[in-house]
Amino acid sequence: MATITRTPTTEMEVTSIRLERELKDKLKEIAGNQGYQALIRDILWNYVQQKSGEWKPRFSQADIRASIAATAQQEERCVLTGQLIQRQQPMLLGLTRNGDMVPLSVESFSE
């Protein structure tokens, strides 16, 4: 997950959050040199953008190595178009260059 350029930390408010030690350790492993606090901010911004409708694509078709047919088990959002994929609707799962599986609308590859 790439770090999104945001407000300088000197302009941020300090917030305390309690995390299980195991969760914090896992976040540190995933974050690597990025730092787990920056990773948590990225995760929270992505969540807010997705839920608020302010979502912006982070992937292009060139980022998808392969795709397989699937059925959404919960509401998803296509990483290419931002289109909502409703529960039980046909969709694709795209394998990215980084090895992540991401939700794709069927229409995102029919263009």
Protein backbone atom coordinates (compact mmCIF):
# COMPACT_ATOMS: atom_id res chain seq x y z
CA MET A 1 0.00 0.00 0.00
CA ALA A 2 1.58 3.28 -1.06
CA THR A 3 1.66 6.15 1.40
CA ILE A 4 -0.72 8.93 0.43
CA THR A 5 0.70 12.44 0.79
CA ARG A 6 -1.32 14.13 3.49
CA THR A 7 -1.07 16.79 6.17
CA PRO A 8 2.37 17.15 7.80
CA THR A 9 2.47 15.40 11.17
CA THR A 10 3.11 18.75 12.90
CA GLU A 11 -0.40 19.80 11.83
CA MET A 12 -2.07 16.58 13.02
CA GLU A 13 -3.86 16.03 16.30
CA VAL A 14 -2.58 13.40 18.70
CA THR A 15 -5.09 10.62 19.28
CA SER A 16 -4.70 7.69 21.61
CA ILE A 17 -5.97 4.30 20.51
CA ARG A 18 -5.61 0.99 22.28
CA LEU A 19 -4.48 -1.92 20.12
CA GLU A 20 -3.68 -5.48 21.02
CA ARG A 21 0.08 -6.01 21.07
CA GLU A 22 -0.25 -8.75 18.42
CA LEU A 23 -2.18 -6.38 16.09
CA LYS A 24 0.41 -3.64 16.55
CA ASP A 25 3.24 -6.09 15.82
CA LYS A 26 1.47 -7.33 12.66
CA LEU A 27 0.91 -3.75 11.49
CA LYS A 28 4.62 -3.01 12.03
CA GLU A 29 5.56 -6.07 9.95
CA ILE A 30 3.24 -5.06 7.11
CA ALA A 31 4.26 -1.39 7.21
CA GLY A 32 8.00 -1.99 6.94
CA ASN A 33 9.85 1.30 6.45
CA GLN A 34 6.58 3.21 6.08
CA GLY A 35 5.82 2.93 9.80
CA TYR A 36 2.68 1.48 11.29
CA GLN A 37 1.10 4.84 12.20
CA ALA A 38 1.27 5.98 8.55
CA LEU A 39 -0.16 2.61 7.52
CA ILE A 40 -3.05 3.02 9.97
CA ARG A 41 -3.74 6.54 8.58
CA ASP A 42 -3.77 5.14 5.02
CA ILE A 43 -6.15 2.36 6.04
CA LEU A 44 -8.47 4.81 7.78
CA TRP A 45 -8.43 7.27 4.84
CA ASN A 46 -9.21 4.45 2.41
CA TYR A 47 -12.11 3.34 4.62
CA VAL A 48 -13.50 6.89 4.92
CA GLN A 49 -13.20 7.49 1.16
CA GLN A 50 -14.92 4.20 0.36
CA LYS A 51 -17.78 4.72 2.81
CA SER A 52 -18.29 8.41 2.00
CA GLY A 53 -18.36 7.99 -1.78
CA GLU A 54 -15.17 10.05 -2.19
CA TRP A 55 -13.34 6.99 -3.50
CA LYS A 56 -10.59 7.53 -6.07
CA PRO A 57 -9.10 4.69 -8.15
CA ARG A 58 -5.63 3.53 -7.15
CA PHE A 59 -5.28 0.92 -9.87
CA SER A 60 -5.38 0.78 -13.66
CA GLN A 61 -6.00 -2.21 -15.94
CA ALA A 62 -2.24 -2.46 -16.40
CA ASP A 63 -1.91 -3.27 -12.68
CA ILE A 64 -4.07 -6.39 -13.03
CA ARG A 65 -2.11 -9.55 -13.97
CA ALA A 66 -5.06 -11.94 -14.07
CA SER A 67 -8.70 -12.15 -13.09
CA ILE A 68 -11.12 -14.86 -12.11
CA ALA A 69 -14.91 -14.90 -11.98
CA ALA A 70 -16.48 -14.62 -8.55
CA THR A 71 -19.68 -13.70 -6.73
CA ALA A 72 -19.68 -10.88 -4.18
CA GLN A 73 -20.47 -12.17 -0.70
CA GLN A 74 -20.73 -8.61 0.60
CA GLU A 75 -20.87 -5.16 -0.94
CA GLU A 76 -17.57 -4.36 -2.67
CA ARG A 77 -16.20 -1.45 -4.70
CA CYS A 78 -14.37 -1.97 -8.00
CA VAL A 79 -10.78 -0.76 -7.66
CA LEU A 80 -10.74 0.44 -11.27
CA THR A 81 -14.05 2.28 -11.63
CA GLY A 82 -15.29 2.83 -8.10
CA GLN A 83 -18.57 1.13 -9.07
CA LEU A 84 -20.39 -0.57 -6.22
CA ILE A 85 -20.73 -4.33 -6.56
CA GLN A 86 -23.78 -5.52 -4.67
CA ARG A 87 -23.92 -8.69 -2.57
CA GLN A 88 -24.53 -11.81 -4.73
CA GLN A 89 -23.67 -9.87 -7.93
CA PRO A 90 -21.15 -11.37 -10.39
CA MET A 91 -17.73 -9.79 -10.14
CA LEU A 92 -14.08 -10.50 -10.87
CA LEU A 93 -11.19 -10.91 -8.49
CA GLY A 94 -8.08 -9.31 -9.94
CA LEU A 95 -4.56 -10.41 -9.10
CA THR A 96 -2.34 -7.32 -8.89
CA ARG A 97 1.36 -7.05 -9.63
CA ASN A 98 1.94 -7.12 -5.86
CA GLY A 99 0.02 -10.37 -5.47
CA ASP A 100 -3.09 -8.82 -3.89
CA MET A 101 -6.59 -9.92 -4.85
CA VAL A 102 -8.83 -6.91 -5.51
CA PRO A 103 -12.54 -6.58 -6.40
CA LEU A 104 -13.38 -5.71 -10.02
CA SER A 105 -16.74 -5.09 -11.61
CA VAL A 106 -17.43 -7.27 -14.65
CA GLU A 107 -17.88 -4.09 -16.70
CA SER A 108 -14.44 -2.75 -15.78
CA PHE A 109 -12.80 -5.16 -18.24
CA SER A 110 -15.45 -5.10 -20.96
CA GLU A 111 -14.48 -1.61 -22.14
